[in-house]
Amino acid sequence: MIGEVVIRIRSGASTGVDRYGNPIPGTDVETPLDGAAFDPGGSREPLEVGRAQTVTNPKVYFYMNTPDVVSTDRLRVRGLVYQVKGRPAVWSSPFPSAVGGLVVELELAEG
């Protein structure tokens, strides 16, 4: 297999509502997704008084067989759990070939 395996973490079906009427997420379901290419991206340190935070924004590229990834999912990549940021996008090559896939933007805020 080419690429690396990442784990999609998706909240299970709602188990009811809390006292404010918000749905209570069910147990997380973890699904391995193979064939990923990880772009570690960059990070930034937003300035906020009394807080030291680092925000990292990598991307994951999936080739051809695009997996089911949505904006509410999380992905575990190389041991870290990232939140999917926005809607994953299907991409295709501008050249006459079958190359294409899915790009998923991620975010991890620490601190």
C-alpha atoms as a PDB file:
ATOM      1  CA  MET A   1       0.000   0.000   0.000  1.00  0.00           C
ATOM      2  CA  ILE A   2       1.252   3.437  -0.932  1.00  0.00           C
ATOM      3  CA  GLY A   3       0.884   6.253   1.588  1.00  0.00           C
ATOM      4  CA  GLU A   4       0.075   5.987   5.249  1.00  0.00           C
ATOM      5  CA  VAL A   5      -2.925   5.009   7.322  1.00  0.00           C
ATOM      6  CA  VAL A   6      -4.852   7.668   9.230  1.00  0.00           C
ATOM      7  CA  ILE A   7      -7.736   7.001  11.589  1.00  0.00           C
ATOM      8  CA  ARG A   8     -11.077   8.742  11.057  1.00  0.00           C
ATOM      9  CA  ILE A   9     -12.849   9.416  14.358  1.00  0.00           C
ATOM     10  CA  ARG A  10     -16.562  10.060  14.039  1.00  0.00           C
ATOM     11  CA  SER A  11     -19.072  10.522  16.862  1.00  0.00           C
ATOM     12  CA  GLY A  12     -21.637   7.768  16.989  1.00  0.00           C
ATOM     13  CA  ALA A  13     -25.382   8.290  16.834  1.00  0.00           C
ATOM     14  CA  SER A  14     -26.867  10.631  19.430  1.00  0.00           C
ATOM     15  CA  THR A  15     -27.847   9.041  22.730  1.00  0.00           C
ATOM     16  CA  GLY A  16     -30.419  11.711  23.636  1.00  0.00           C
ATOM     17  CA  VAL A  17     -30.258  15.366  24.616  1.00  0.00           C
ATOM     18  CA  ASP A  18     -28.693  17.210  27.523  1.00  0.00           C
ATOM     19  CA  ARG A  19     -30.578  19.576  29.846  1.00  0.00           C
ATOM     20  CA  TYR A  20     -30.136  22.388  27.309  1.00  0.00           C
ATOM     21  CA  GLY A  21     -31.637  20.389  24.452  1.00  0.00           C
ATOM     22  CA  ASN A  22     -28.299  19.725  22.722  1.00  0.00           C
ATOM     23  CA  PRO A  23     -27.729  16.244  21.282  1.00  0.00           C
ATOM     24  CA  ILE A  24     -25.421  14.018  23.326  1.00  0.00           C
ATOM     25  CA  PRO A  25     -22.937  12.383  20.938  1.00  0.00           C
ATOM     26  CA  GLY A  26     -22.648   8.620  21.009  1.00  0.00           C
ATOM     27  CA  THR A  27     -19.486   6.560  21.335  1.00  0.00           C
ATOM     28  CA  ASP A  28     -16.724   7.472  18.871  1.00  0.00           C
ATOM     29  CA  VAL A  29     -16.270   5.116  15.933  1.00  0.00           C
ATOM     30  CA  GLU A  30     -12.715   4.762  14.600  1.00  0.00           C
ATOM     31  CA  THR A  31     -12.117   3.751  10.987  1.00  0.00           C
ATOM     32  CA  PRO A  32      -8.679   3.304   9.353  1.00  0.00           C
ATOM     33  CA  LEU A  33      -8.258   5.121   6.023  1.00  0.00           C
ATOM     34  CA  ASP A  34      -5.237   4.093   3.970  1.00  0.00           C
ATOM     35  CA  GLY A  35      -3.404   5.676   1.075  1.00  0.00           C
ATOM     36  CA  ALA A  36      -3.010   9.112   2.702  1.00  0.00           C
ATOM     37  CA  ALA A  37      -0.285  11.671   2.088  1.00  0.00           C
ATOM     38  CA  PHE A  38       0.338  13.953   5.086  1.00  0.00           C
ATOM     39  CA  ASP A  39       1.464  17.560   4.586  1.00  0.00           C
ATOM     40  CA  PRO A  40       2.497  18.799   8.068  1.00  0.00           C
ATOM     41  CA  GLY A  41       1.811  22.416   7.073  1.00  0.00           C
ATOM     42  CA  GLY A  42       2.768  25.224   9.395  1.00  0.00           C
ATOM     43  CA  SER A  43       1.873  26.520  12.797  1.00  0.00           C
ATOM     44  CA  ARG A  44       1.255  29.861  14.423  1.00  0.00           C
ATOM     45  CA  GLU A  45       1.193  31.217  17.946  1.00  0.00           C
ATOM     46  CA  PRO A  46      -1.748  33.605  18.322  1.00  0.00           C
ATOM     47  CA  LEU A  47      -1.147  36.426  20.781  1.00  0.00           C
ATOM     48  CA  GLU A  48      -3.588  36.317  23.642  1.00  0.00           C
ATOM     49  CA  VAL A  49      -2.873  37.749  27.096  1.00  0.00           C
ATOM     50  CA  GLY A  50      -2.294  35.016  29.666  1.00  0.00           C
ATOM     51  CA  ARG A  51      -2.314  32.172  27.165  1.00  0.00           C
ATOM     52  CA  ALA A  52       0.425  30.380  25.248  1.00  0.00           C
ATOM     53  CA  GLN A  53      -1.158  28.557  22.317  1.00  0.00           C
ATOM     54  CA  THR A  54       0.102  26.878  19.173  1.00  0.00           C
ATOM     55  CA  VAL A  55      -2.240  26.227  16.249  1.00  0.00           C
ATOM     56  CA  THR A  56      -1.114  23.764  13.572  1.00  0.00           C
ATOM     57  CA  ASN A  57      -2.805  23.470  10.159  1.00  0.00           C
ATOM     58  CA  PRO A  58      -1.718  20.387   8.198  1.00  0.00           C
ATOM     59  CA  LYS A  59      -3.478  18.773   5.246  1.00  0.00           C
ATOM     60  CA  VAL A  60      -4.112  15.173   4.303  1.00  0.00           C
ATOM     61  CA  TYR A  61      -4.396  14.136   0.664  1.00  0.00           C
ATOM     62  CA  PHE A  62      -6.157  10.943  -0.372  1.00  0.00           C
ATOM     63  CA  TYR A  63      -5.486   9.565  -3.852  1.00  0.00           C
ATOM     64  CA  MET A  64      -8.271   8.421  -6.178  1.00  0.00           C
ATOM     65  CA  ASN A  65     -10.535   6.345  -3.906  1.00  0.00           C
ATOM     66  CA  THR A  66     -11.809   9.264  -1.860  1.00  0.00           C
ATOM     67  CA  PRO A  67     -12.918   8.189   1.620  1.00  0.00           C
ATOM     68  CA  ASP A  68     -15.977   9.480   3.442  1.00  0.00           C
ATOM     69  CA  VAL A  69     -14.664  12.418   5.513  1.00  0.00           C
ATOM     70  CA  VAL A  70     -16.911  15.259   6.710  1.00  0.00           C
ATOM     71  CA  SER A  71     -16.335  18.515   8.585  1.00  0.00           C
ATOM     72  CA  THR A  72     -17.425  17.072  11.941  1.00  0.00           C
ATOM     73  CA  ASP A  73     -14.844  14.254  11.837  1.00  0.00           C
ATOM     74  CA  ARG A  74     -11.454  14.142  13.495  1.00  0.00           C
ATOM     75  CA  LEU A  75      -8.394  12.419  12.050  1.00  0.00           C
ATOM     76  CA  ARG A  76      -5.605  10.762  14.029  1.00  0.00           C
ATOM     77  CA  VAL A  77      -2.377  11.211  12.106  1.00  0.00           C
ATOM     78  CA  ARG A  78       0.992  10.102  13.467  1.00  0.00           C
ATOM     79  CA  GLY A  79      -0.430   9.900  16.974  1.00  0.00           C
ATOM     80  CA  LEU A  80      -2.069  13.352  17.090  1.00  0.00           C
ATOM     81  CA  VAL A  81      -5.809  13.995  16.772  1.00  0.00           C
ATOM     82  CA  TYR A  82      -6.764  16.880  14.459  1.00  0.00           C
ATOM     83  CA  GLN A  83     -10.174  18.439  13.858  1.00  0.00           C
ATOM     84  CA  VAL A  84     -11.283  18.524  10.215  1.00  0.00           C
ATOM     85  CA  LYS A  85     -11.465  22.187   9.247  1.00  0.00           C
ATOM     86  CA  GLY A  86     -14.195  23.056   6.774  1.00  0.00           C
ATOM     87  CA  ARG A  87     -15.537  20.838   4.028  1.00  0.00           C
ATOM     88  CA  PRO A  88     -13.081  18.351   2.462  1.00  0.00           C
ATOM     89  CA  ALA A  89     -12.621  19.019  -1.255  1.00  0.00           C
ATOM     90  CA  VAL A  90     -12.377  16.670  -4.226  1.00  0.00           C
ATOM     91  CA  TRP A  91      -9.534  17.569  -6.587  1.00  0.00           C
ATOM     92  CA  SER A  92      -8.590  16.348 -10.018  1.00  0.00           C
ATOM     93  CA  SER A  93      -5.594  16.697 -12.256  1.00  0.00           C
ATOM     94  CA  PRO A  94      -5.686  19.353 -14.996  1.00  0.00           C
ATOM     95  CA  PHE A  95      -3.790  16.884 -17.183  1.00  0.00           C
ATOM     96  CA  PRO A  96      -5.393  14.032 -19.146  1.00  0.00           C
ATOM     97  CA  SER A  97      -5.090  11.319 -16.517  1.00  0.00           C
ATOM     98  CA  ALA A  98      -7.126   9.602 -13.855  1.00  0.00           C
ATOM     99  CA  VAL A  99      -5.270  11.358 -11.039  1.00  0.00           C
ATOM    100  CA  GLY A 100      -7.484  12.889  -8.408  1.00  0.00           C
ATOM    101  CA  GLY A 101      -8.552  12.530  -4.815  1.00  0.00           C
ATOM    102  CA  LEU A 102      -9.603  14.357  -1.683  1.00  0.00           C
ATOM    103  CA  VAL A 103      -7.817  17.078   0.290  1.00  0.00           C
ATOM    104  CA  VAL A 104      -8.719  17.510   3.957  1.00  0.00           C
ATOM    105  CA  GLU A 105      -7.613  20.584   5.909  1.00  0.00           C
ATOM    106  CA  LEU A 106      -6.958  19.950   9.589  1.00  0.00           C
ATOM    107  CA  GLU A 107      -6.400  21.986  12.744  1.00  0.00           C
ATOM    108  CA  LEU A 108      -4.860  21.268  16.127  1.00  0.00           C
ATOM    109  CA  ALA A 109      -4.896  23.921  18.857  1.00  0.00           C
ATOM    110  CA  GLU A 110      -2.632  23.223  21.831  1.00  0.00           C
ATOM    111  CA  GLY A 111      -2.378  25.300  24.989  1.00  0.00           C
END
